[in-house]
Amino acid sequence: MIDLVVPAELAREIRLKAEMEGVAVETVLEAAWRHYQMLANRRKIKSETVWWNNQPEGERARYKGKYIAVHQQAVVDYDSDRVALHGRIRAKYGRTAVLIIPAEGPRGIRILSPRLESR
């Protein structure tokens, strides 16, 4: 085990929360860490999306009809097969957040819904 030093007030708050929830302090810390990582991954994906959308049209057109993988503001791989691309990205980057998106940008979502009308 490794010791982690945190301010006393924070340690008290964590212990209190764990006691109130009836769980171990480690459980609270693990949940907090996972939440932090999720938010960091979302920020990264949003940043990568903005970067890609701001690329010149000519650069984006090079990958027309393909899926691209963007990591650290660079296209690191591309493929017309999203599943194959995803497999290579996971093999290379593990659980690191990497944007995989159609080069043209997000595809539109079509929602079909029955509409009830009074007659």
N, C-alpha and C. Protein backbone atom coordinates (compact mmCIF):
# COMPACT_ATOMS: atom_id res chain seq x y z
N MET A 1 0.83 -1.18 0.00
CA MET A 1 0.00 0.00 0.00
C MET A 1 0.88 1.24 0.00
N ILE A 2 0.41 2.27 -0.68
CA ILE A 2 1.13 3.54 -0.74
C ILE A 2 0.35 4.55 0.07
N ASP A 3 1.05 5.36 0.84
CA ASP A 3 0.40 6.42 1.60
C ASP A 3 0.15 7.61 0.70
N LEU A 4 -1.02 8.18 0.84
CA LEU A 4 -1.39 9.36 0.09
C LEU A 4 -1.70 10.45 1.11
N VAL A 5 -1.05 11.58 0.98
CA VAL A 5 -1.24 12.66 1.94
C VAL A 5 -2.26 13.64 1.38
N VAL A 6 -3.32 13.87 2.16
CA VAL A 6 -4.35 14.84 1.79
C VAL A 6 -4.56 15.77 2.98
N PRO A 7 -5.05 16.96 2.73
CA PRO A 7 -5.31 17.88 3.84
C PRO A 7 -6.26 17.23 4.87
N ALA A 8 -6.05 17.54 6.13
CA ALA A 8 -6.81 16.93 7.22
C ALA A 8 -8.31 17.12 7.04
N GLU A 9 -8.73 18.31 6.64
CA GLU A 9 -10.17 18.57 6.48
C GLU A 9 -10.77 17.69 5.39
N LEU A 10 -10.06 17.51 4.30
CA LEU A 10 -10.54 16.63 3.23
C LEU A 10 -10.63 15.19 3.72
N ALA A 11 -9.62 14.75 4.45
CA ALA A 11 -9.62 13.39 5.00
C ALA A 11 -10.83 13.19 5.90
N ARG A 12 -11.14 14.19 6.74
CA ARG A 12 -12.31 14.09 7.63
C ARG A 12 -13.60 13.98 6.81
N GLU A 13 -13.72 14.80 5.77
CA GLU A 13 -14.91 14.76 4.93
C GLU A 13 -15.07 13.41 4.24
N ILE A 14 -13.98 12.86 3.76
CA ILE A 14 -14.03 11.55 3.10
C ILE A 14 -14.44 10.47 4.08
N ARG A 15 -13.83 10.48 5.26
CA ARG A 15 -14.18 9.49 6.29
C ARG A 15 -15.65 9.61 6.68
N LEU A 16 -16.13 10.84 6.86
CA LEU A 16 -17.52 11.07 7.25
C LEU A 16 -18.47 10.54 6.17
N LYS A 17 -18.16 10.85 4.93
CA LYS A 17 -19.00 10.37 3.82
C LYS A 17 -19.02 8.85 3.77
N ALA A 18 -17.87 8.23 3.94
CA ALA A 18 -17.79 6.77 3.93
C ALA A 18 -18.64 6.18 5.06
N GLU A 19 -18.53 6.77 6.25
CA GLU A 19 -19.32 6.29 7.39
C GLU A 19 -20.81 6.44 7.12
N MET A 20 -21.21 7.59 6.57
CA MET A 20 -22.62 7.84 6.28
C MET A 20 -23.15 6.84 5.25
N GLU A 21 -22.32 6.47 4.30
CA GLU A 21 -22.73 5.54 3.25
C GLU A 21 -22.55 4.08 3.69
N GLY A 22 -21.84 3.87 4.77
CA GLY A 22 -21.59 2.51 5.24
C GLY A 22 -20.63 1.74 4.34
N VAL A 23 -19.66 2.47 3.79
CA VAL A 23 -18.67 1.83 2.90
C VAL A 23 -17.27 2.18 3.38
N ALA A 24 -16.29 1.50 2.82
CA ALA A 24 -14.90 1.77 3.15
C ALA A 24 -14.45 3.08 2.52
N VAL A 25 -13.50 3.74 3.16
CA VAL A 25 -12.92 4.98 2.63
C VAL A 25 -12.39 4.73 1.22
N GLU A 26 -11.78 3.58 1.00
CA GLU A 26 -11.23 3.25 -0.32
C GLU A 26 -12.32 3.24 -1.39
N THR A 27 -13.52 2.82 -1.01
CA THR A 27 -14.63 2.79 -1.96
C THR A 27 -15.01 4.20 -2.40
N VAL A 28 -15.04 5.12 -1.44
CA VAL A 28 -15.35 6.52 -1.75
C VAL A 28 -14.26 7.11 -2.65
N LEU A 29 -13.01 6.85 -2.30
CA LEU A 29 -11.90 7.38 -3.09
C LEU A 29 -11.90 6.80 -4.50
N GLU A 30 -12.17 5.51 -4.62
CA GLU A 30 -12.20 4.89 -5.94
C GLU A 30 -13.33 5.49 -6.79
N ALA A 31 -14.51 5.69 -6.20
CA ALA A 31 -15.62 6.29 -6.92
C ALA A 31 -15.28 7.71 -7.35
N ALA A 32 -14.64 8.46 -6.47
CA ALA A 32 -14.25 9.84 -6.79
C ALA A 32 -13.25 9.84 -7.94
N TRP A 33 -12.29 8.94 -7.89
CA TRP A 33 -11.29 8.86 -8.95
C TRP A 33 -11.93 8.50 -10.29
N ARG A 34 -12.84 7.52 -10.29
CA ARG A 34 -13.50 7.12 -11.53
C ARG A 34 -14.33 8.28 -12.10
N HIS A 35 -15.00 9.01 -11.23
CA HIS A 35 -15.78 10.16 -11.67
C HIS A 35 -14.86 11.23 -12.28
N TYR A 36 -13.75 11.49 -11.62
CA TYR A 36 -12.78 12.46 -12.13
C TYR A 36 -12.28 12.05 -13.51
N GLN A 37 -11.95 10.77 -13.65
CA GLN A 37 -11.45 10.28 -14.95
C GLN A 37 -12.51 10.41 -16.04
N MET A 38 -13.76 10.11 -15.70
CA MET A 38 -14.84 10.23 -16.67
C MET A 38 -14.95 11.68 -17.16
N LEU A 39 -14.91 12.62 -16.24
CA LEU A 39 -15.00 14.03 -16.61
C LEU A 39 -13.79 14.45 -17.45
N ALA A 40 -12.61 14.00 -17.07
CA ALA A 40 -11.40 14.32 -17.82
C ALA A 40 -11.48 13.74 -19.23
N ASN A 41 -11.98 12.52 -19.36
CA ASN A 41 -12.14 11.90 -20.68
C ASN A 41 -13.13 12.67 -21.54
N ARG A 42 -14.22 13.13 -20.93
CA ARG A 42 -15.20 13.93 -21.69
C ARG A 42 -14.58 15.24 -22.18
N ARG A 43 -13.81 15.89 -21.31
CA ARG A 43 -13.15 17.14 -21.72
C ARG A 43 -12.19 16.87 -22.87
N LYS A 44 -11.45 15.77 -22.80
CA LYS A 44 -10.50 15.43 -23.85
C LYS A 44 -11.21 15.18 -25.17
N ILE A 45 -12.28 14.40 -25.14
CA ILE A 45 -13.02 14.09 -26.36
C ILE A 45 -13.62 15.36 -26.95
N LYS A 46 -14.15 16.23 -26.09
CA LYS A 46 -14.71 17.50 -26.57
C LYS A 46 -13.62 18.34 -27.23
N SER A 47 -12.45 18.41 -26.59
CA SER A 47 -11.33 19.18 -27.13
C SER A 47 -10.87 18.60 -28.47
N GLU A 48 -10.79 17.28 -28.57
CA GLU A 48 -10.37 16.64 -29.82
C GLU A 48 -11.39 16.90 -30.91
N THR A 49 -12.69 16.91 -30.56
CA THR A 49 -13.75 17.18 -31.54
C THR A 49 -13.64 18.61 -32.06
N VAL A 50 -13.44 19.55 -31.16
CA VAL A 50 -13.28 20.95 -31.57
C VAL A 50 -12.07 21.09 -32.49
N TRP A 51 -10.97 20.45 -32.11
CA TRP A 51 -9.76 20.51 -32.94
C TRP A 51 -10.05 19.98 -34.34
N TRP A 52 -10.68 18.81 -34.42
CA TRP A 52 -10.95 18.22 -35.73
C TRP A 52 -11.88 19.10 -36.55
N ASN A 53 -12.93 19.61 -35.92
CA ASN A 53 -13.89 20.46 -36.65
C ASN A 53 -13.26 21.76 -37.13
N ASN A 54 -12.17 22.19 -36.52
CA ASN A 54 -11.48 23.41 -36.93
C ASN A 54 -10.38 23.17 -37.96
N GLN A 55 -10.20 21.93 -38.37
CA GLN A 55 -9.20 21.63 -39.39
C GLN A 55 -9.70 22.13 -40.75
N PRO A 56 -8.78 22.52 -41.62
CA PRO A 56 -9.20 22.99 -42.95
C PRO A 56 -9.99 21.91 -43.69
N GLU A 57 -10.93 22.35 -44.51
CA GLU A 57 -11.79 21.44 -45.26
C GLU A 57 -10.95 20.44 -46.08
N GLY A 58 -9.85 20.90 -46.65
CA GLY A 58 -9.00 20.02 -47.45
C GLY A 58 -8.42 18.87 -46.62
N GLU A 59 -8.04 19.16 -45.39
CA GLU A 59 -7.51 18.11 -44.50
C GLU A 59 -8.60 17.11 -44.16
N ARG A 60 -9.79 17.60 -43.84
CA ARG A 60 -10.89 16.70 -43.48
C ARG A 60 -11.33 15.88 -44.69
N ALA A 61 -11.27 16.48 -45.89
CA ALA A 61 -11.71 15.78 -47.11
C ALA A 61 -10.81 14.59 -47.43
N ARG A 62 -9.57 14.61 -46.97
CA ARG A 62 -8.65 13.48 -47.22
C ARG A 62 -9.20 12.17 -46.66
N TYR A 63 -10.04 12.27 -45.63
CA TYR A 63 -10.55 11.08 -44.95
C TYR A 63 -12.03 10.83 -45.23
N LYS A 64 -12.56 11.44 -46.27
CA LYS A 64 -13.98 11.31 -46.60
C LYS A 64 -14.37 9.83 -46.68
N GLY A 65 -15.49 9.50 -46.05
CA GLY A 65 -15.99 8.12 -46.07
C GLY A 65 -15.29 7.21 -45.07
N LYS A 66 -14.41 7.76 -44.29
CA LYS A 66 -13.65 6.96 -43.31
C LYS A 66 -14.00 7.41 -41.89
N TYR A 67 -13.64 6.58 -40.94
CA TYR A 67 -13.66 6.95 -39.54
C TYR A 67 -12.24 7.33 -39.18
N ILE A 68 -12.11 8.34 -38.34
CA ILE A 68 -10.78 8.76 -37.91
C ILE A 68 -10.66 8.59 -36.41
N ALA A 69 -9.43 8.41 -35.95
CA ALA A 69 -9.12 8.37 -34.53
C ALA A 69 -8.22 9.56 -34.25
N VAL A 70 -8.63 10.41 -33.29
CA VAL A 70 -7.89 11.61 -32.95
C VAL A 70 -7.40 11.50 -31.52
N HIS A 71 -6.09 11.69 -31.35
CA HIS A 71 -5.47 11.65 -30.03
C HIS A 71 -4.42 12.74 -29.96
N GLN A 72 -4.49 13.55 -28.93
CA GLN A 72 -3.55 14.65 -28.72
C GLN A 72 -3.48 15.56 -29.95
N GLN A 73 -4.65 15.88 -30.46
CA GLN A 73 -4.81 16.78 -31.60
C GLN A 73 -4.04 16.34 -32.83
N ALA A 74 -4.15 15.05 -33.11
CA ALA A 74 -3.56 14.48 -34.32
C ALA A 74 -4.40 13.27 -34.75
N VAL A 75 -4.55 13.10 -36.05
CA VAL A 75 -5.20 11.89 -36.55
C VAL A 75 -4.17 10.78 -36.43
N VAL A 76 -4.47 9.79 -35.59
CA VAL A 76 -3.50 8.73 -35.33
C VAL A 76 -3.80 7.45 -36.11
N ASP A 77 -5.02 7.36 -36.67
CA ASP A 77 -5.38 6.19 -37.48
C ASP A 77 -6.71 6.49 -38.16
N TYR A 78 -7.02 5.73 -39.19
CA TYR A 78 -8.31 5.88 -39.87
C TYR A 78 -8.62 4.58 -40.59
N ASP A 79 -9.92 4.39 -40.87
CA ASP A 79 -10.36 3.17 -41.53
C ASP A 79 -11.81 3.35 -41.94
N SER A 80 -12.24 2.66 -42.97
CA SER A 80 -13.65 2.70 -43.34
C SER A 80 -14.46 1.77 -42.43
N ASP A 81 -13.77 0.87 -41.72
CA ASP A 81 -14.42 -0.07 -40.80
C ASP A 81 -14.22 0.42 -39.36
N ARG A 82 -15.30 0.96 -38.77
CA ARG A 82 -15.21 1.52 -37.43
C ARG A 82 -14.78 0.48 -36.39
N VAL A 83 -15.28 -0.74 -36.52
CA VAL A 83 -14.96 -1.78 -35.55
C VAL A 83 -13.47 -2.13 -35.62
N ALA A 84 -12.93 -2.26 -36.82
CA ALA A 84 -11.50 -2.56 -36.98
C ALA A 84 -10.65 -1.43 -36.41
N LEU A 85 -11.05 -0.19 -36.70
CA LEU A 85 -10.33 0.97 -36.17
C LEU A 85 -10.36 0.96 -34.65
N HIS A 86 -11.52 0.74 -34.09
CA HIS A 86 -11.66 0.70 -32.64
C HIS A 86 -10.73 -0.35 -32.03
N GLY A 87 -10.67 -1.52 -32.65
CA GLY A 87 -9.81 -2.60 -32.14
C GLY A 87 -8.34 -2.19 -32.14
N ARG A 88 -7.89 -1.57 -33.22
CA ARG A 88 -6.49 -1.14 -33.27
C ARG A 88 -6.20 -0.06 -32.24
N ILE A 89 -7.14 0.87 -32.07
CA ILE A 89 -6.93 1.96 -31.11
C ILE A 89 -6.87 1.40 -29.69
N ARG A 90 -7.75 0.48 -29.35
CA ARG A 90 -7.72 -0.12 -28.01
C ARG A 90 -6.42 -0.89 -27.80
N ALA A 91 -5.97 -1.59 -28.83
CA ALA A 91 -4.72 -2.35 -28.71
C ALA A 91 -3.53 -1.41 -28.49
N LYS A 92 -3.55 -0.26 -29.13
CA LYS A 92 -2.42 0.66 -29.03
C LYS A 92 -2.49 1.57 -27.80
N TYR A 93 -3.71 2.08 -27.47
CA TYR A 93 -3.84 3.09 -26.42
C TYR A 93 -4.55 2.59 -25.16
N GLY A 94 -4.99 1.34 -25.17
CA GLY A 94 -5.67 0.82 -23.99
C GLY A 94 -6.95 1.59 -23.71
N ARG A 95 -7.14 1.98 -22.45
CA ARG A 95 -8.37 2.67 -22.05
C ARG A 95 -8.27 4.19 -22.15
N THR A 96 -7.19 4.68 -22.75
CA THR A 96 -7.05 6.12 -22.96
C THR A 96 -8.18 6.62 -23.85
N ALA A 97 -8.73 7.79 -23.52
CA ALA A 97 -9.80 8.37 -24.33
C ALA A 97 -9.24 8.82 -25.68
N VAL A 98 -9.76 8.25 -26.75
CA VAL A 98 -9.38 8.61 -28.12
C VAL A 98 -10.68 8.82 -28.89
N LEU A 99 -10.79 9.96 -29.54
CA LEU A 99 -11.98 10.26 -30.33
C LEU A 99 -12.00 9.40 -31.59
N ILE A 100 -13.09 8.69 -31.80
CA ILE A 100 -13.32 7.96 -33.05
C ILE A 100 -14.62 8.50 -33.60
N ILE A 101 -14.54 9.05 -34.81
CA ILE A 101 -15.67 9.77 -35.38
C ILE A 101 -15.62 9.67 -36.90
N PRO A 102 -16.78 9.71 -37.56
CA PRO A 102 -16.73 9.79 -39.03
C PRO A 102 -16.01 11.08 -39.41
N ALA A 103 -15.17 11.02 -40.41
CA ALA A 103 -14.38 12.19 -40.79
C ALA A 103 -15.25 13.39 -41.13
N GLU A 104 -16.45 13.13 -41.59
CA GLU A 104 -17.37 14.23 -41.94
C GLU A 104 -17.98 14.85 -40.70
N GLY A 105 -17.73 14.27 -39.55
CA GLY A 105 -18.32 14.75 -38.31
C GLY A 105 -19.44 13.83 -37.88
N PRO A 106 -20.04 14.13 -36.75
CA PRO A 106 -21.12 13.25 -36.27
C PRO A 106 -22.22 13.14 -37.31
N ARG A 107 -22.69 11.95 -37.49
CA ARG A 107 -23.79 11.75 -38.42
C ARG A 107 -25.08 12.14 -37.72
N GLY A 108 -26.01 12.63 -38.50
CA GLY A 108 -27.30 13.05 -37.94
C GLY A 108 -28.04 11.88 -37.33
N ILE A 109 -28.85 12.18 -36.37
CA ILE A 109 -29.68 11.18 -35.73
C ILE A 109 -31.10 11.37 -36.24
N ARG A 110 -31.68 10.31 -36.72
CA ARG A 110 -33.04 10.37 -37.22
C ARG A 110 -33.94 9.66 -36.23
N ILE A 111 -34.91 10.37 -35.72
CA ILE A 111 -35.82 9.79 -34.75
C ILE A 111 -37.19 9.67 -35.40
N LEU A 112 -37.67 8.45 -35.45
CA LEU A 112 -38.99 8.20 -36.00
C LEU A 112 -39.95 8.05 -34.83
N SER A 113 -41.04 8.77 -34.87
CA SER A 113 -41.99 8.73 -33.78
C SER A 113 -43.39 8.82 -34.35
N PRO A 114 -44.27 7.96 -33.89
CA PRO A 114 -45.64 8.09 -34.37
C PRO A 114 -46.25 9.39 -33.83
N ARG A 115 -47.03 10.00 -34.66
CA ARG A 115 -47.67 11.24 -34.24
C ARG A 115 -49.18 11.01 -34.18
N LEU A 116 -49.74 11.29 -33.04
CA LEU A 116 -51.18 11.13 -32.88
C LEU A 116 -51.85 12.44 -33.18
N GLU A 117 -52.88 12.38 -33.96
CA GLU A 117 -53.62 13.60 -34.31
C GLU A 117 -55.10 13.38 -34.00
N SER A 118 -55.73 14.43 -33.55
CA SER A 118 -57.18 14.38 -33.34
C SER A 118 -57.87 14.62 -34.67
N ARG A 119 -58.96 13.93 -34.86
CA ARG A 119 -59.73 14.15 -36.11
C ARG A 119 -61.04 14.77 -35.79
